[in-house]
Amino acid sequence: MIKRLLRLKFLVYLSLFIFALAANLSFTTPAENAGDEKPLIVRYYPNPATTFISFEFEKEATKSYTLQVYNFLGRMMVETRIQSSKATIDLTEFNRGIYFYQLRDKSGHIAESGKFQVIK
């Protein structure tokens, strides 16, 4: 029984390590954007979040971007097309933990990314 629990704990930590490594390779931050471009996301709040999280965008972000939210295992939880300068995501189906967002342009390239925490 103890060996099984230790093996499970090891697999969870290994999964977290692999996901964190993959996230560092595929995510960009606003500072890494080419040139002097301004970040597309002005802010997201509250962080940590409990029941919802709101994203506020610059006007340019409303043209043809998609917001995707992933859990720490890499499973996409939400994908929504940006249609206004504000988007709110309901977190009632989310478990406690760290989540990553990606703002993708029409061609699928990551324009901006980051992370937020859900506490319950």
N, C-alpha and C. Protein backbone atom coordinates (compact mmCIF):
# COMPACT_ATOMS: atom_id res chain seq x y z
N MET A 1 0.82 -1.19 0.00
CA MET A 1 0.00 0.00 0.00
C MET A 1 0.87 1.26 0.00
N ILE A 2 1.89 1.28 0.85
CA ILE A 2 2.77 2.45 0.93
C ILE A 2 3.57 2.60 -0.36
N LYS A 3 4.02 1.48 -0.94
CA LYS A 3 4.75 1.54 -2.20
C LYS A 3 3.87 2.12 -3.30
N ARG A 4 2.62 1.74 -3.31
CA ARG A 4 1.68 2.24 -4.32
C ARG A 4 1.49 3.76 -4.18
N LEU A 5 1.35 4.23 -2.94
CA LEU A 5 1.21 5.67 -2.69
C LEU A 5 2.46 6.43 -3.09
N LEU A 6 3.62 5.88 -2.77
CA LEU A 6 4.87 6.53 -3.15
C LEU A 6 5.03 6.58 -4.66
N ARG A 7 4.65 5.50 -5.33
CA ARG A 7 4.73 5.47 -6.79
C ARG A 7 3.78 6.50 -7.40
N LEU A 8 2.58 6.61 -6.86
CA LEU A 8 1.62 7.58 -7.35
C LEU A 8 2.13 9.01 -7.12
N LYS A 9 2.68 9.26 -5.95
CA LYS A 9 3.23 10.58 -5.63
C LYS A 9 4.37 10.91 -6.60
N PHE A 10 5.24 9.92 -6.86
CA PHE A 10 6.34 10.13 -7.80
C PHE A 10 5.81 10.45 -9.19
N LEU A 11 4.78 9.76 -9.64
CA LEU A 11 4.22 10.01 -10.98
C LEU A 11 3.59 11.40 -11.07
N VAL A 12 2.94 11.83 -10.01
CA VAL A 12 2.35 13.17 -10.00
C VAL A 12 3.45 14.22 -10.10
N TYR A 13 4.51 14.07 -9.29
CA TYR A 13 5.61 15.04 -9.35
C TYR A 13 6.33 15.00 -10.69
N LEU A 14 6.49 13.83 -11.25
CA LEU A 14 7.11 13.72 -12.57
C LEU A 14 6.26 14.41 -13.63
N SER A 15 4.94 14.21 -13.57
CA SER A 15 4.04 14.87 -14.51
C SER A 15 4.12 16.39 -14.38
N LEU A 16 4.14 16.88 -13.15
CA LEU A 16 4.26 18.32 -12.93
C LEU A 16 5.57 18.86 -13.49
N PHE A 17 6.66 18.13 -13.27
CA PHE A 17 7.95 18.55 -13.79
C PHE A 17 7.95 18.60 -15.30
N ILE A 18 7.42 17.58 -15.94
CA ILE A 18 7.39 17.53 -17.41
C ILE A 18 6.52 18.64 -17.95
N PHE A 19 5.37 18.87 -17.34
CA PHE A 19 4.49 19.94 -17.82
C PHE A 19 5.15 21.30 -17.64
N ALA A 20 5.81 21.52 -16.50
CA ALA A 20 6.48 22.80 -16.27
C ALA A 20 7.60 23.01 -17.29
N LEU A 21 8.32 21.95 -17.60
CA LEU A 21 9.38 22.04 -18.60
C LEU A 21 8.79 22.38 -19.97
N ALA A 22 7.71 21.69 -20.35
CA ALA A 22 7.06 21.96 -21.63
C ALA A 22 6.48 23.37 -21.65
N ALA A 23 5.93 23.82 -20.55
CA ALA A 23 5.35 25.17 -20.48
C ALA A 23 6.43 26.22 -20.67
N ASN A 24 7.60 25.99 -20.11
CA ASN A 24 8.69 26.96 -20.27
C ASN A 24 9.17 27.02 -21.71
N LEU A 25 9.04 25.95 -22.44
CA LEU A 25 9.48 25.93 -23.82
C LEU A 25 8.48 26.55 -24.77
N SER A 26 7.18 26.47 -24.43
CA SER A 26 6.17 26.89 -25.39
C SER A 26 5.48 28.21 -25.05
N PHE A 27 5.65 28.73 -23.87
CA PHE A 27 4.98 29.95 -23.48
C PHE A 27 5.89 31.15 -23.70
N THR A 28 5.31 32.25 -24.09
CA THR A 28 6.05 33.50 -24.19
C THR A 28 5.45 34.50 -23.24
N THR A 29 6.23 35.47 -22.87
CA THR A 29 5.74 36.53 -22.01
C THR A 29 5.70 37.82 -22.81
N PRO A 30 4.99 38.81 -22.35
CA PRO A 30 4.93 40.07 -23.08
C PRO A 30 6.31 40.67 -23.35
N ALA A 31 7.25 40.49 -22.43
CA ALA A 31 8.59 41.04 -22.61
C ALA A 31 9.32 40.38 -23.78
N GLU A 32 8.91 39.15 -24.13
CA GLU A 32 9.57 38.44 -25.22
C GLU A 32 8.96 38.77 -26.57
N ASN A 33 7.87 39.55 -26.61
CA ASN A 33 7.26 39.92 -27.87
C ASN A 33 8.26 40.72 -28.69
N ALA A 34 8.17 40.59 -30.01
CA ALA A 34 9.11 41.28 -30.88
C ALA A 34 8.88 42.79 -30.84
N GLY A 35 9.95 43.55 -30.90
CA GLY A 35 9.85 45.00 -30.97
C GLY A 35 9.33 45.62 -29.69
N ASP A 36 8.72 46.77 -29.85
CA ASP A 36 8.18 47.51 -28.72
C ASP A 36 6.68 47.34 -28.59
N GLU A 37 6.16 46.19 -28.96
CA GLU A 37 4.72 45.96 -28.89
C GLU A 37 4.26 46.00 -27.44
N LYS A 38 3.06 46.55 -27.23
CA LYS A 38 2.47 46.55 -25.90
C LYS A 38 1.82 45.19 -25.65
N PRO A 39 1.73 44.78 -24.40
CA PRO A 39 1.03 43.53 -24.10
C PRO A 39 -0.43 43.63 -24.54
N LEU A 40 -0.99 42.52 -24.98
CA LEU A 40 -2.37 42.51 -25.43
C LEU A 40 -3.34 42.46 -24.25
N ILE A 41 -2.94 41.81 -23.19
CA ILE A 41 -3.79 41.73 -22.01
C ILE A 41 -3.37 42.82 -21.04
N VAL A 42 -4.31 43.68 -20.71
CA VAL A 42 -4.01 44.75 -19.77
C VAL A 42 -3.85 44.15 -18.38
N ARG A 43 -4.85 43.35 -17.98
CA ARG A 43 -4.77 42.71 -16.66
C ARG A 43 -5.79 41.59 -16.56
N TYR A 44 -5.58 40.73 -15.58
CA TYR A 44 -6.56 39.71 -15.24
C TYR A 44 -6.68 39.70 -13.73
N TYR A 45 -7.89 39.50 -13.26
CA TYR A 45 -8.17 39.62 -11.83
C TYR A 45 -9.40 38.83 -11.48
N PRO A 46 -9.63 38.44 -10.26
CA PRO A 46 -8.67 38.45 -9.15
C PRO A 46 -7.67 37.31 -9.30
N ASN A 47 -6.55 37.45 -8.71
CA ASN A 47 -5.55 36.39 -8.71
C ASN A 47 -4.92 36.36 -7.33
N PRO A 48 -5.19 35.34 -6.55
CA PRO A 48 -5.88 34.09 -6.87
C PRO A 48 -7.39 34.28 -6.99
N ALA A 49 -7.99 33.43 -7.81
CA ALA A 49 -9.42 33.50 -8.09
C ALA A 49 -10.15 32.37 -7.38
N THR A 50 -11.46 32.56 -7.17
CA THR A 50 -12.26 31.52 -6.52
C THR A 50 -13.41 31.06 -7.41
N THR A 51 -14.25 31.98 -7.88
CA THR A 51 -15.42 31.59 -8.67
C THR A 51 -15.38 32.08 -10.10
N PHE A 52 -14.59 33.11 -10.38
CA PHE A 52 -14.46 33.63 -11.74
C PHE A 52 -13.12 34.34 -11.87
N ILE A 53 -12.69 34.54 -13.12
CA ILE A 53 -11.53 35.36 -13.42
C ILE A 53 -11.87 36.20 -14.64
N SER A 54 -11.51 37.46 -14.59
CA SER A 54 -11.80 38.39 -15.68
C SER A 54 -10.50 38.81 -16.36
N PHE A 55 -10.55 38.88 -17.68
CA PHE A 55 -9.43 39.35 -18.48
C PHE A 55 -9.88 40.63 -19.18
N GLU A 56 -9.05 41.66 -19.13
CA GLU A 56 -9.32 42.90 -19.85
C GLU A 56 -8.26 43.06 -20.91
N PHE A 57 -8.69 43.35 -22.14
CA PHE A 57 -7.81 43.38 -23.30
C PHE A 57 -7.69 44.79 -23.86
N GLU A 58 -6.58 45.01 -24.53
CA GLU A 58 -6.44 46.21 -25.35
C GLU A 58 -7.42 46.08 -26.51
N LYS A 59 -7.78 47.16 -27.14
CA LYS A 59 -8.73 47.11 -28.25
C LYS A 59 -8.23 46.24 -29.40
N GLU A 60 -6.90 46.20 -29.63
CA GLU A 60 -6.35 45.39 -30.72
C GLU A 60 -6.59 43.89 -30.51
N ALA A 61 -6.74 43.48 -29.27
CA ALA A 61 -6.91 42.06 -28.98
C ALA A 61 -8.29 41.55 -29.36
N THR A 62 -9.23 42.43 -29.57
CA THR A 62 -10.59 41.99 -29.87
C THR A 62 -10.77 41.64 -31.34
N LYS A 63 -9.76 41.81 -32.14
CA LYS A 63 -9.91 41.59 -33.58
C LYS A 63 -10.05 40.12 -33.94
N SER A 64 -9.10 39.30 -33.61
CA SER A 64 -9.17 37.90 -34.02
C SER A 64 -8.33 37.02 -33.12
N TYR A 65 -8.54 37.12 -31.83
CA TYR A 65 -7.77 36.33 -30.88
C TYR A 65 -8.66 35.33 -30.16
N THR A 66 -8.04 34.26 -29.69
CA THR A 66 -8.71 33.22 -28.92
C THR A 66 -7.99 33.08 -27.60
N LEU A 67 -8.75 33.00 -26.52
CA LEU A 67 -8.20 32.79 -25.19
C LEU A 67 -8.39 31.33 -24.82
N GLN A 68 -7.29 30.66 -24.46
CA GLN A 68 -7.33 29.26 -24.04
C GLN A 68 -6.79 29.17 -22.62
N VAL A 69 -7.45 28.33 -21.80
CA VAL A 69 -7.01 28.11 -20.43
C VAL A 69 -6.74 26.62 -20.26
N TYR A 70 -5.56 26.30 -19.71
CA TYR A 70 -5.13 24.92 -19.49
C TYR A 70 -4.90 24.67 -18.01
N ASN A 71 -5.16 23.43 -17.57
CA ASN A 71 -4.80 23.07 -16.20
C ASN A 71 -3.32 22.67 -16.18
N PHE A 72 -2.80 22.32 -15.00
CA PHE A 72 -1.37 22.04 -14.88
C PHE A 72 -0.96 20.75 -15.57
N LEU A 73 -1.92 19.90 -15.96
CA LEU A 73 -1.61 18.67 -16.70
C LEU A 73 -1.65 18.89 -18.20
N GLY A 74 -2.00 20.10 -18.63
CA GLY A 74 -2.02 20.41 -20.05
C GLY A 74 -3.37 20.20 -20.71
N ARG A 75 -4.39 19.90 -19.94
CA ARG A 75 -5.74 19.71 -20.49
C ARG A 75 -6.40 21.07 -20.70
N MET A 76 -6.91 21.30 -21.90
CA MET A 76 -7.59 22.56 -22.17
C MET A 76 -8.92 22.57 -21.42
N MET A 77 -9.11 23.61 -20.60
CA MET A 77 -10.33 23.74 -19.82
C MET A 77 -11.34 24.66 -20.49
N VAL A 78 -10.85 25.71 -21.14
CA VAL A 78 -11.72 26.70 -21.77
C VAL A 78 -11.04 27.19 -23.04
N GLU A 79 -11.86 27.40 -24.05
CA GLU A 79 -11.40 28.09 -25.26
C GLU A 79 -12.51 29.03 -25.67
N THR A 80 -12.20 30.31 -25.73
CA THR A 80 -13.22 31.30 -26.06
C THR A 80 -12.66 32.33 -27.02
N ARG A 81 -13.47 32.72 -27.95
CA ARG A 81 -13.10 33.75 -28.92
C ARG A 81 -13.30 35.12 -28.27
N ILE A 82 -12.32 36.00 -28.41
CA ILE A 82 -12.40 37.33 -27.82
C ILE A 82 -13.27 38.20 -28.72
N GLN A 83 -14.36 38.70 -28.16
CA GLN A 83 -15.28 39.52 -28.95
C GLN A 83 -15.46 40.92 -28.38
N SER A 84 -14.96 41.15 -27.19
CA SER A 84 -15.06 42.50 -26.60
C SER A 84 -13.77 42.75 -25.80
N SER A 85 -13.73 43.87 -25.14
CA SER A 85 -12.52 44.21 -24.40
C SER A 85 -12.43 43.52 -23.04
N LYS A 86 -13.43 42.71 -22.70
CA LYS A 86 -13.43 42.01 -21.42
C LYS A 86 -14.00 40.60 -21.60
N ALA A 87 -13.37 39.63 -20.94
CA ALA A 87 -13.87 38.25 -20.94
C ALA A 87 -13.83 37.74 -19.50
N THR A 88 -14.91 37.08 -19.08
CA THR A 88 -14.98 36.51 -17.74
C THR A 88 -15.17 35.00 -17.87
N ILE A 89 -14.38 34.25 -17.12
CA ILE A 89 -14.44 32.79 -17.17
C ILE A 89 -14.96 32.28 -15.84
N ASP A 90 -16.00 31.44 -15.91
CA ASP A 90 -16.58 30.82 -14.72
C ASP A 90 -15.67 29.69 -14.27
N LEU A 91 -15.30 29.67 -13.00
CA LEU A 91 -14.35 28.69 -12.47
C LEU A 91 -15.00 27.64 -11.58
N THR A 92 -16.32 27.51 -11.63
CA THR A 92 -16.99 26.55 -10.74
C THR A 92 -16.59 25.11 -11.03
N GLU A 93 -16.25 24.79 -12.26
CA GLU A 93 -15.84 23.42 -12.61
C GLU A 93 -14.33 23.21 -12.49
N PHE A 94 -13.61 24.25 -12.07
CA PHE A 94 -12.16 24.15 -11.95
C PHE A 94 -11.80 23.67 -10.55
N ASN A 95 -10.79 22.83 -10.45
CA ASN A 95 -10.26 22.42 -9.16
C ASN A 95 -9.23 23.44 -8.70
N ARG A 96 -8.87 23.34 -7.47
CA ARG A 96 -7.84 24.21 -6.90
C ARG A 96 -6.51 23.93 -7.60
N GLY A 97 -5.76 24.98 -7.93
CA GLY A 97 -4.45 24.79 -8.54
C GLY A 97 -4.03 25.93 -9.43
N ILE A 98 -2.98 25.70 -10.19
CA ILE A 98 -2.41 26.68 -11.10
C ILE A 98 -2.93 26.40 -12.50
N TYR A 99 -3.33 27.44 -13.19
CA TYR A 99 -3.83 27.35 -14.56
C TYR A 99 -3.05 28.31 -15.44
N PHE A 100 -2.92 27.96 -16.70
CA PHE A 100 -2.17 28.76 -17.66
C PHE A 100 -3.12 29.27 -18.74
N TYR A 101 -2.92 30.50 -19.16
CA TYR A 101 -3.72 31.02 -20.27
C TYR A 101 -2.80 31.30 -21.45
N GLN A 102 -3.37 31.19 -22.63
CA GLN A 102 -2.68 31.54 -23.87
C GLN A 102 -3.63 32.38 -24.71
N LEU A 103 -3.13 33.47 -25.22
CA LEU A 103 -3.88 34.29 -26.15
C LEU A 103 -3.28 34.02 -27.52
N ARG A 104 -4.08 33.41 -28.39
CA ARG A 104 -3.58 33.01 -29.71
C ARG A 104 -4.20 33.87 -30.80
N ASP A 105 -3.39 34.17 -31.81
CA ASP A 105 -3.91 34.94 -32.94
C ASP A 105 -4.58 34.01 -33.95
N LYS A 106 -5.03 34.57 -35.04
CA LYS A 106 -5.78 33.81 -36.04
C LYS A 106 -4.99 32.62 -36.61
N SER A 107 -3.68 32.77 -36.72
CA SER A 107 -2.84 31.70 -37.28
C SER A 107 -2.42 30.68 -36.23
N GLY A 108 -2.80 30.88 -34.97
CA GLY A 108 -2.49 29.90 -33.92
C GLY A 108 -1.24 30.20 -33.13
N HIS A 109 -0.55 31.28 -33.46
CA HIS A 109 0.65 31.65 -32.71
C HIS A 109 0.27 32.27 -31.37
N ILE A 110 1.08 32.01 -30.36
CA ILE A 110 0.83 32.55 -29.03
C ILE A 110 1.26 34.00 -29.00
N ALA A 111 0.30 34.89 -28.78
CA ALA A 111 0.59 36.32 -28.69
C ALA A 111 0.99 36.69 -27.28
N GLU A 112 0.41 36.02 -26.30
CA GLU A 112 0.72 36.28 -24.91
C GLU A 112 0.29 35.09 -24.07
N SER A 113 0.95 34.87 -22.94
CA SER A 113 0.58 33.77 -22.06
C SER A 113 0.93 34.16 -20.62
N GLY A 114 0.39 33.39 -19.71
CA GLY A 114 0.65 33.64 -18.30
C GLY A 114 -0.03 32.59 -17.45
N LYS A 115 -0.08 32.82 -16.16
CA LYS A 115 -0.69 31.85 -15.26
C LYS A 115 -1.47 32.56 -14.17
N PHE A 116 -2.40 31.82 -13.59
CA PHE A 116 -3.18 32.33 -12.47
C PHE A 116 -3.50 31.17 -11.55
N GLN A 117 -3.91 31.47 -10.34
CA GLN A 117 -4.19 30.46 -9.35
C GLN A 117 -5.67 30.44 -9.00
N VAL A 118 -6.20 29.23 -8.83
CA VAL A 118 -7.58 29.05 -8.36
C VAL A 118 -7.50 28.46 -6.96
N ILE A 119 -8.16 29.13 -6.02
CA ILE A 119 -8.22 28.62 -4.64
C ILE A 119 -9.68 28.42 -4.28
N LYS A 120 -9.95 27.37 -3.54
CA LYS A 120 -11.33 27.09 -3.09
C LYS A 120 -11.32 26.61 -1.68
